[in-house]
Structures are given as structure tokens and as C-alpha cells.
Amino acid sequence: MAANLIKFDKTKDITRHFVRAITMIREGLLILEQQAGPSGIIIQARDGDGSQAVHYDQFASEGGYSPGDYADNNAAAKASADELFSLYGKIGTDAATSNVRTAIMQACAKHGV
């Protein structure tokens, strides 16, 4: 039987960097889940089922959204929420999923990250 814990020196560069990377991935997933997961902040902040921009007025206000290329603040907030829900759908599942890297990069680009 294989060991459950792989032991190594976390202070060595070669291991320190990948430990940092996987720690950041896990942290990012958990934070995204708190924001865009089934009972996340975005869903709690919207008024309605989320199908219309007006449902995101509180989220738009609390998040400081501005229209930019969208019709209004609420439409920008809905677009942001839709992108985050999509990303969480890709990385928050145990099912086989394709284009995960693309989804991450797209969410980052659309949010100026």
C-alpha cells in the first residue's frame, strides 16, 4: 500500500515553489466557492433568480461596479457574476471538465487580472 503522506523538505526551492502553487490553488478554490458557490455571497446579494441584470443591483452597489462596455452597473455586475459562476462550475467539481485553463484565463482577463 502506498503511503498517504509524501515527506519532503518544504524549505528547498524545488519543493517550496510547488507547495506554494498548490496551496494558492486550494485557497483560490475555497474563496471562489465562498463567493460563487451554491450558497455564496453573490447569490445571497442578488434579488431574484439572477436571470436579469436588475437582480444584481445590491451586488453592483456593494462591489462598486461601473458600466464600462455594459448598459449599466447592474449589467456589469451580472456579467461578472456569470463569469465567476462559470469558472466555479469548471474548477469546483470532481467531474471530468475540459478547458479549465481557458476558463481561468478568461475570468482573469475579463476582470483585469
C-alpha atoms as a PDB file:
ATOM      1  CA  MET A   1       0.000   0.000   0.000  1.00  0.00           C
ATOM      2  CA  ALA A   2       1.287   3.445  -0.876  1.00  0.00           C
ATOM      3  CA  ALA A   3       1.889   5.976   1.857  1.00  0.00           C
ATOM      4  CA  ASN A   4      -0.746   8.673   2.339  1.00  0.00           C
ATOM      5  CA  LEU A   5       1.758  11.405   3.101  1.00  0.00           C
ATOM      6  CA  ILE A   6       4.693  12.273   0.892  1.00  0.00           C
ATOM      7  CA  LYS A   7       7.505  13.616   3.078  1.00  0.00           C
ATOM      8  CA  PHE A   8       9.984  16.188   1.763  1.00  0.00           C
ATOM      9  CA  ASP A   9      11.780  19.375   2.801  1.00  0.00           C
ATOM     10  CA  LYS A  10       9.428  22.306   2.130  1.00  0.00           C
ATOM     11  CA  THR A  11      12.281  24.796   2.506  1.00  0.00           C
ATOM     12  CA  LYS A  12      14.104  23.616  -0.627  1.00  0.00           C
ATOM     13  CA  ASP A  13      13.395  25.755  -3.718  1.00  0.00           C
ATOM     14  CA  ILE A  14      12.289  22.873  -5.891  1.00  0.00           C
ATOM     15  CA  THR A  15       9.601  21.807  -3.413  1.00  0.00           C
ATOM     16  CA  ARG A  16       8.795  25.184  -1.836  1.00  0.00           C
ATOM     17  CA  HIS A  17       7.559  26.566  -5.154  1.00  0.00           C
ATOM     18  CA  PHE A  18       5.157  23.749  -5.960  1.00  0.00           C
ATOM     19  CA  VAL A  19       3.862  23.685  -2.384  1.00  0.00           C
ATOM     20  CA  ARG A  20       3.147  27.404  -2.697  1.00  0.00           C
ATOM     21  CA  ALA A  21       1.432  26.833  -6.049  1.00  0.00           C
ATOM     22  CA  ILE A  22      -0.866  24.057  -4.859  1.00  0.00           C
ATOM     23  CA  THR A  23      -1.628  25.971  -1.659  1.00  0.00           C
ATOM     24  CA  MET A  24      -2.688  29.001  -3.717  1.00  0.00           C
ATOM     25  CA  ILE A  25      -4.853  26.811  -5.960  1.00  0.00           C
ATOM     26  CA  ARG A  26      -6.620  25.295  -2.951  1.00  0.00           C
ATOM     27  CA  GLU A  27      -7.079  28.707  -1.328  1.00  0.00           C
ATOM     28  CA  GLY A  28      -8.411  30.168  -4.570  1.00  0.00           C
ATOM     29  CA  LEU A  29     -10.928  27.355  -4.938  1.00  0.00           C
ATOM     30  CA  LEU A  30     -12.188  27.806  -1.378  1.00  0.00           C
ATOM     31  CA  ILE A  31     -12.508  31.589  -1.748  1.00  0.00           C
ATOM     32  CA  LEU A  32     -14.269  31.248  -5.103  1.00  0.00           C
ATOM     33  CA  GLU A  33     -16.642  28.747  -3.505  1.00  0.00           C
ATOM     34  CA  GLN A  34     -17.463  31.281  -0.773  1.00  0.00           C
ATOM     35  CA  GLN A  35     -18.202  33.878  -3.454  1.00  0.00           C
ATOM     36  CA  ALA A  36     -19.790  31.936  -6.326  1.00  0.00           C
ATOM     37  CA  GLY A  37     -20.692  28.578  -4.806  1.00  0.00           C
ATOM     38  CA  PRO A  38     -24.242  27.337  -4.206  1.00  0.00           C
ATOM     39  CA  SER A  39     -24.703  29.470  -1.082  1.00  0.00           C
ATOM     40  CA  GLY A  40     -22.046  32.041  -1.913  1.00  0.00           C
ATOM     41  CA  ILE A  41     -22.019  35.775  -1.373  1.00  0.00           C
ATOM     42  CA  ILE A  42     -23.063  36.568  -4.957  1.00  0.00           C
ATOM     43  CA  ILE A  43     -26.238  34.502  -4.680  1.00  0.00           C
ATOM     44  CA  GLN A  44     -27.024  35.982  -1.275  1.00  0.00           C
ATOM     45  CA  ALA A  45     -26.510  39.509  -2.605  1.00  0.00           C
ATOM     46  CA  ARG A  46     -28.781  39.166  -5.633  1.00  0.00           C
ATOM     47  CA  ASP A  47     -32.518  39.761  -5.610  1.00  0.00           C
ATOM     48  CA  GLY A  48     -34.236  37.122  -7.736  1.00  0.00           C
ATOM     49  CA  ASP A  49     -33.061  34.130  -9.732  1.00  0.00           C
ATOM     50  CA  GLY A  50     -30.205  36.021 -11.374  1.00  0.00           C
ATOM     51  CA  SER A  51     -31.587  35.866 -14.891  1.00  0.00           C
ATOM     52  CA  GLN A  52     -31.842  39.657 -15.212  1.00  0.00           C
ATOM     53  CA  ALA A  53     -29.338  42.423 -14.586  1.00  0.00           C
ATOM     54  CA  VAL A  54     -31.713  44.178 -12.173  1.00  0.00           C
ATOM     55  CA  HIS A  55     -31.350  41.191  -9.809  1.00  0.00           C
ATOM     56  CA  TYR A  56     -27.737  42.286  -9.232  1.00  0.00           C
ATOM     57  CA  ASP A  57     -28.362  45.860  -8.032  1.00  0.00           C
ATOM     58  CA  GLN A  58     -27.108  45.208  -4.483  1.00  0.00           C
ATOM     59  CA  PHE A  59     -24.125  43.208  -5.763  1.00  0.00           C
ATOM     60  CA  ALA A  60     -23.336  46.042  -8.190  1.00  0.00           C
ATOM     61  CA  SER A  61     -23.512  48.622  -5.418  1.00  0.00           C
ATOM     62  CA  GLU A  62     -21.519  46.624  -2.869  1.00  0.00           C
ATOM     63  CA  GLY A  63     -18.936  45.623  -5.485  1.00  0.00           C
ATOM     64  CA  GLY A  64     -18.511  49.121  -6.907  1.00  0.00           C
ATOM     65  CA  TYR A  65     -19.320  48.046 -10.470  1.00  0.00           C
ATOM     66  CA  SER A  66     -19.468  50.654 -13.216  1.00  0.00           C
ATOM     67  CA  PRO A  67     -20.996  50.289 -16.698  1.00  0.00           C
ATOM     68  CA  GLY A  68     -17.861  50.218 -18.843  1.00  0.00           C
ATOM     69  CA  ASP A  69     -18.976  48.415 -22.016  1.00  0.00           C
ATOM     70  CA  TYR A  70     -22.238  47.284 -20.397  1.00  0.00           C
ATOM     71  CA  ALA A  71     -25.624  49.015 -20.334  1.00  0.00           C
ATOM     72  CA  ASP A  72     -25.374  49.874 -16.632  1.00  0.00           C
ATOM     73  CA  ASN A  73     -23.785  48.909 -13.316  1.00  0.00           C
ATOM     74  CA  ASN A  74     -26.194  46.006 -12.816  1.00  0.00           C
ATOM     75  CA  ALA A  75     -25.399  44.525 -16.239  1.00  0.00           C
ATOM     76  CA  ALA A  76     -21.679  44.718 -15.459  1.00  0.00           C
ATOM     77  CA  ALA A  77     -22.261  43.002 -12.103  1.00  0.00           C
ATOM     78  CA  LYS A  78     -24.343  40.266 -13.773  1.00  0.00           C
ATOM     79  CA  ALA A  79     -21.622  39.698 -16.380  1.00  0.00           C
ATOM     80  CA  SER A  80     -19.044  39.418 -13.590  1.00  0.00           C
ATOM     81  CA  ALA A  81     -21.231  37.013 -11.612  1.00  0.00           C
ATOM     82  CA  ASP A  82     -21.932  34.895 -14.703  1.00  0.00           C
ATOM     83  CA  GLU A  83     -18.200  34.643 -15.388  1.00  0.00           C
ATOM     84  CA  LEU A  84     -17.451  33.658 -11.789  1.00  0.00           C
ATOM     85  CA  PHE A  85     -20.277  31.097 -11.729  1.00  0.00           C
ATOM     86  CA  SER A  86     -18.899  29.613 -14.942  1.00  0.00           C
ATOM     87  CA  LEU A  87     -15.380  29.440 -13.548  1.00  0.00           C
ATOM     88  CA  TYR A  88     -16.567  27.866 -10.306  1.00  0.00           C
ATOM     89  CA  GLY A  89     -18.545  25.336 -12.329  1.00  0.00           C
ATOM     90  CA  LYS A  90     -15.305  24.299 -14.040  1.00  0.00           C
ATOM     91  CA  ILE A  91     -12.986  24.134 -11.037  1.00  0.00           C
ATOM     92  CA  GLY A  92     -15.442  23.342  -8.241  1.00  0.00           C
ATOM     93  CA  THR A  93     -16.365  19.873  -9.484  1.00  0.00           C
ATOM     94  CA  ASP A  94     -14.936  16.395  -9.257  1.00  0.00           C
ATOM     95  CA  ALA A  95     -16.362  15.553 -12.683  1.00  0.00           C
ATOM     96  CA  ALA A  96     -14.193  15.491 -15.785  1.00  0.00           C
ATOM     97  CA  THR A  97     -14.055  19.002 -17.213  1.00  0.00           C
ATOM     98  CA  SER A  98     -12.334  20.431 -20.263  1.00  0.00           C
ATOM     99  CA  ASN A  99     -10.918  23.884 -20.955  1.00  0.00           C
ATOM    100  CA  VAL A 100     -10.242  24.662 -17.290  1.00  0.00           C
ATOM    101  CA  ARG A 101      -7.121  26.702 -18.037  1.00  0.00           C
ATOM    102  CA  THR A 102      -9.051  28.684 -20.649  1.00  0.00           C
ATOM    103  CA  ALA A 103     -11.831  29.382 -18.134  1.00  0.00           C
ATOM    104  CA  ILE A 104      -9.321  30.620 -15.552  1.00  0.00           C
ATOM    105  CA  MET A 105      -7.518  32.847 -18.036  1.00  0.00           C
ATOM    106  CA  GLN A 106     -10.806  34.216 -19.419  1.00  0.00           C
ATOM    107  CA  ALA A 107     -12.157  35.095 -15.958  1.00  0.00           C
ATOM    108  CA  CYS A 108      -8.860  36.804 -15.156  1.00  0.00           C
ATOM    109  CA  ALA A 109      -8.824  38.754 -18.424  1.00  0.00           C
ATOM    110  CA  LYS A 110     -12.436  39.899 -18.090  1.00  0.00           C
ATOM    111  CA  HIS A 111     -11.726  41.116 -14.555  1.00  0.00           C
ATOM    112  CA  GLY A 112      -8.448  42.818 -15.458  1.00  0.00           C
ATOM    113  CA  VAL A 113      -6.284  40.366 -13.530  1.00  0.00           C
END
